[in-house]
Protein backbone atom coordinates (compact mmCIF):
# COMPACT_ATOMS: atom_id res chain seq x y z
CA MET A 1 -14.00 54.52 -75.77
CA ALA A 2 -14.63 58.15 -75.19
CA ASN A 3 -15.91 60.47 -78.01
CA ILE A 4 -12.67 61.59 -79.79
CA PHE A 5 -14.44 64.74 -81.28
CA ASP A 6 -15.30 66.04 -77.71
CA ALA A 7 -12.49 68.39 -76.66
CA THR A 8 -12.75 67.30 -73.01
CA ASN A 9 -11.62 63.85 -74.17
CA ALA A 10 -8.63 65.12 -76.17
CA PRO A 11 -5.36 63.51 -75.15
CA GLU A 12 -2.76 65.53 -73.23
CA THR A 13 0.07 64.40 -75.57
CA GLU A 14 0.96 65.26 -79.22
CA PRO A 15 0.02 62.53 -81.81
CA LEU A 16 2.70 60.10 -82.83
CA GLU A 17 0.82 59.08 -86.00
CA ILE A 18 -1.88 60.82 -88.08
CA VAL A 19 -3.89 59.07 -90.74
CA ALA A 20 -4.18 61.36 -93.76
CA GLY A 21 -7.81 62.73 -93.73
CA ASP A 22 -8.43 62.28 -89.94
CA PHE A 23 -9.56 64.96 -87.54
CA VAL A 24 -6.85 65.31 -84.87
CA GLN A 25 -6.83 67.27 -81.52
CA TRP A 26 -4.92 67.31 -78.30
CA LYS A 27 -4.84 69.74 -75.36
CA ASP A 28 -2.27 71.09 -72.88
CA SER A 29 -3.83 71.85 -69.47
CA ILE A 30 -0.39 72.14 -67.62
CA LEU A 31 1.08 74.99 -69.76
CA PRO A 32 -1.39 77.65 -68.63
CA ALA A 33 0.02 77.56 -65.13
CA ASP A 34 3.31 79.04 -66.41
CA TYR A 35 1.99 80.79 -69.51
CA PRO A 36 -1.48 82.15 -68.81
CA ILE A 37 -3.95 81.95 -71.66
CA ALA A 38 -4.69 85.70 -71.38
CA ASP A 39 -1.04 86.62 -71.94
CA TYR A 40 0.36 83.96 -74.29
CA SER A 41 -0.59 81.95 -77.37
CA LEU A 42 0.61 78.44 -78.34
CA VAL A 43 1.59 77.47 -81.89
CA TYR A 44 2.85 74.24 -83.33
CA VAL A 45 4.88 74.33 -86.52
CA ALA A 46 5.39 71.02 -88.39
CA ARG A 47 7.53 70.30 -91.46
CA SER A 48 8.06 67.08 -93.45
CA VAL A 49 11.67 65.71 -93.15
CA THR A 50 11.98 66.43 -96.89
CA GLY A 51 11.21 70.10 -96.10
CA SER A 52 8.66 70.42 -98.85
CA ASP A 53 5.55 70.44 -96.73
CA GLU A 54 4.87 72.69 -93.79
CA PHE A 55 1.84 73.70 -91.71
CA GLN A 56 1.03 75.50 -88.38
CA VAL A 57 -1.58 74.78 -85.78
CA THR A 58 -2.56 77.67 -83.41
CA ALA A 59 -4.18 76.72 -80.19
CA THR A 60 -7.53 77.84 -79.13
CA THR A 61 -8.48 78.22 -75.49
CA ALA A 62 -11.19 76.17 -73.85
CA ASN A 63 -11.95 75.58 -70.14
CA GLY A 64 -8.57 76.85 -68.96
CA TYR A 65 -6.37 74.83 -71.38
CA TYR A 66 -4.83 75.17 -74.80
CA LEU A 67 -6.70 73.08 -77.46
CA LEU A 68 -4.83 72.16 -80.77
CA THR A 69 -7.08 71.05 -83.64
CA ILE A 70 -6.11 69.83 -87.13
CA LEU A 71 -9.03 69.53 -89.48
CA SER A 72 -9.58 66.57 -91.73
CA ALA A 73 -9.05 68.69 -94.79
CA THR A 74 -5.63 69.75 -93.61
CA THR A 75 -4.42 66.21 -92.79
CA ALA A 76 -5.87 64.88 -96.10
CA ALA A 77 -3.51 67.21 -97.94
CA LEU A 78 -0.36 65.94 -96.13
CA PRO A 79 1.82 63.51 -98.04
CA PRO A 80 2.75 60.38 -96.07
CA GLY A 81 6.03 60.40 -94.24
CA LEU A 82 7.83 61.61 -91.15
CA TYR A 83 7.23 65.13 -89.89
CA ARG A 84 9.06 67.15 -87.17
CA TRP A 85 7.31 69.67 -85.11
CA GLN A 86 8.16 72.37 -82.55
CA LYS A 87 5.89 73.74 -79.90
CA GLU A 88 6.18 77.56 -79.62
CA ILE A 89 4.85 79.83 -76.78
CA ILE A 90 4.42 83.48 -77.88
CA LYS A 91 4.01 86.45 -75.50
CA THR A 92 1.02 88.36 -76.85
CA SER A 93 2.21 91.83 -75.74
CA THR A 94 5.62 91.65 -77.38
CA SER A 95 5.24 88.87 -79.98
CA GLN A 96 8.40 87.30 -78.62
CA ARG A 97 8.62 83.53 -79.18
CA VAL A 98 10.33 80.64 -77.41
CA VAL A 99 10.49 77.03 -78.74
CA ILE A 100 9.66 74.95 -75.62
CA LYS A 101 9.48 71.39 -77.05
CA ARG A 102 10.21 69.40 -80.25
CA GLY A 103 9.15 66.07 -81.53
CA GLU A 104 7.96 64.10 -84.52
CA PHE A 105 4.96 62.33 -85.91
CA LYS A 106 4.24 60.09 -88.95
CA VAL A 107 1.55 60.72 -91.45
CA VAL A 108 0.20 57.41 -92.91
CA VAL A 109 -1.98 56.88 -95.96
CA ASP A 110 -5.82 56.53 -95.63
CA LEU A 111 -6.85 53.02 -96.58
CA ASP A 112 -10.19 54.40 -97.88
CA VAL A 113 -8.49 56.32 -100.63
CA SER A 114 -8.48 54.19 -103.87
CA GLY A 115 -5.30 53.80 -105.75
CA VAL A 116 -3.05 54.49 -102.71
CA ASP A 117 -0.34 51.94 -102.21
CA SER A 118 -0.16 51.51 -98.40
CA ARG A 119 2.83 49.28 -98.47
CA SER A 120 6.10 50.53 -96.93
CA HIS A 121 9.18 51.19 -99.08
CA ALA A 122 10.70 47.95 -97.93
CA GLU A 123 7.61 45.94 -98.94
CA ILE A 124 7.55 47.57 -102.34
CA MET A 125 11.26 46.86 -102.92
CA VAL A 126 10.78 43.13 -102.08
CA THR A 127 8.06 42.86 -104.66
CA LYS A 128 10.11 44.70 -107.31
CA ILE A 129 13.29 42.68 -106.67
CA GLU A 130 11.40 39.39 -106.77
CA SER A 131 9.89 40.38 -110.19
CA ILE A 132 13.46 41.15 -111.47
CA LEU A 133 14.64 37.79 -110.13
CA ALA A 134 11.69 36.06 -111.91
CA GLY A 135 12.53 37.73 -115.22
CA LYS A 136 16.25 37.32 -114.91
CA ALA A 137 16.10 33.71 -116.14
CA ASP A 138 14.53 34.90 -119.38
CA SER A 139 16.94 37.76 -120.19
CA ASP A 140 20.06 37.36 -118.10
CA VAL A 141 22.54 39.78 -119.63
CA GLN A 142 24.89 41.31 -117.08
CA SER A 143 26.07 44.29 -119.13
CA TYR A 144 25.92 45.57 -122.73
CA SER A 145 27.09 48.50 -124.78
CA VAL A 146 25.30 50.45 -127.55
CA ALA A 147 26.75 53.44 -129.42
CA GLY A 148 29.45 54.02 -126.86
CA ARG A 149 27.04 53.88 -123.87
CA SER A 150 27.13 50.95 -121.48
CA LEU A 151 24.74 49.57 -118.86
CA THR A 152 25.58 47.07 -116.14
CA LYS A 153 22.83 45.28 -114.19
CA MET A 154 22.99 43.95 -110.72
CA SER A 155 24.23 40.37 -110.51
CA PHE A 156 21.93 37.54 -109.32
CA GLN A 157 23.70 37.47 -105.94
CA GLU A 158 23.41 41.28 -105.54
CA LEU A 159 19.72 41.03 -106.17
CA LEU A 160 19.45 38.15 -103.65
CA ASP A 161 21.34 40.27 -101.09
CA ALA A 162 19.08 43.27 -101.68
CA ARG A 163 15.98 41.16 -101.44
CA ASN A 164 17.22 39.64 -98.17
CA PHE A 165 17.95 43.06 -96.75
CA TYR A 166 14.48 44.42 -97.63
CA ARG A 167 12.85 41.32 -96.26
CA SER A 168 14.61 41.86 -92.95
CA GLU A 169 13.37 45.45 -93.09
CA VAL A 170 9.85 44.29 -93.58
CA MET A 171 10.14 41.87 -90.65
CA ARG A 172 11.54 44.81 -88.42
CA GLU A 173 8.64 46.95 -89.42
CA LYS A 174 6.05 44.23 -88.60
CA ALA A 175 7.67 43.42 -85.28
CA LYS A 176 7.66 47.25 -84.37
CA GLU A 177 3.96 47.41 -85.34
CA ASP A 178 3.15 44.29 -83.31
CA ALA A 179 4.95 45.67 -80.27
CA LYS A 180 3.10 48.96 -80.66
CA ASN A 181 -0.25 47.11 -80.81
CA GLY A 182 0.55 44.82 -77.87
CA ARG A 183 0.88 41.72 -80.02
CA GLN A 184 3.69 39.25 -79.53
CA GLY A 185 5.96 38.64 -82.57
CA ALA A 186 7.42 35.35 -83.78
CA SER A 187 10.64 35.99 -81.85
CA THR A 188 8.79 35.99 -78.48
CA VAL A 189 9.58 32.86 -76.48
CA LYS A 190 7.31 32.05 -73.47
CA VAL A 191 8.70 30.14 -70.66
CA ARG A 192 6.91 28.86 -67.64
CA PHE A 193 8.59 27.32 -64.52
């Protein structure tokens, strides 16, 4: 594996996933042919899908290409989740800007950080629903009313349906992760003739 900190080894594509706290860099060596480094600048703007977190990355220039770098301190401050980005080219003389590409990446938790729950939403929900199901046998009251206010709990069947839904989500997530890492999932059937 090539040294990831060396700019000459930086990938030519935007990251699809960033581990919070990681140093990230990539380069664009094709863009300078149409947008010379002397006359243009390159900026990436990224925003979480919730819209609450945003940051910018301005390219530096090295060896005839645009180099994008995000420092570890910046990624460490990013909450986990999906982010959308846009690639902007800016003409230096006029400050006019054009968005030339859009995409998205996912920020995932750093497993080195203590107290961070690295489970997906679906995995957390399966655990919670199963604990409710376990306690339901001890205090199974469907609904009650106190001082004019009422509360209705999910039925046993609704809880089972929700648990099955989230279990299938977990299986889909694991299959997607296996496919991304080149592993074969349980649904793969090998046939030899």
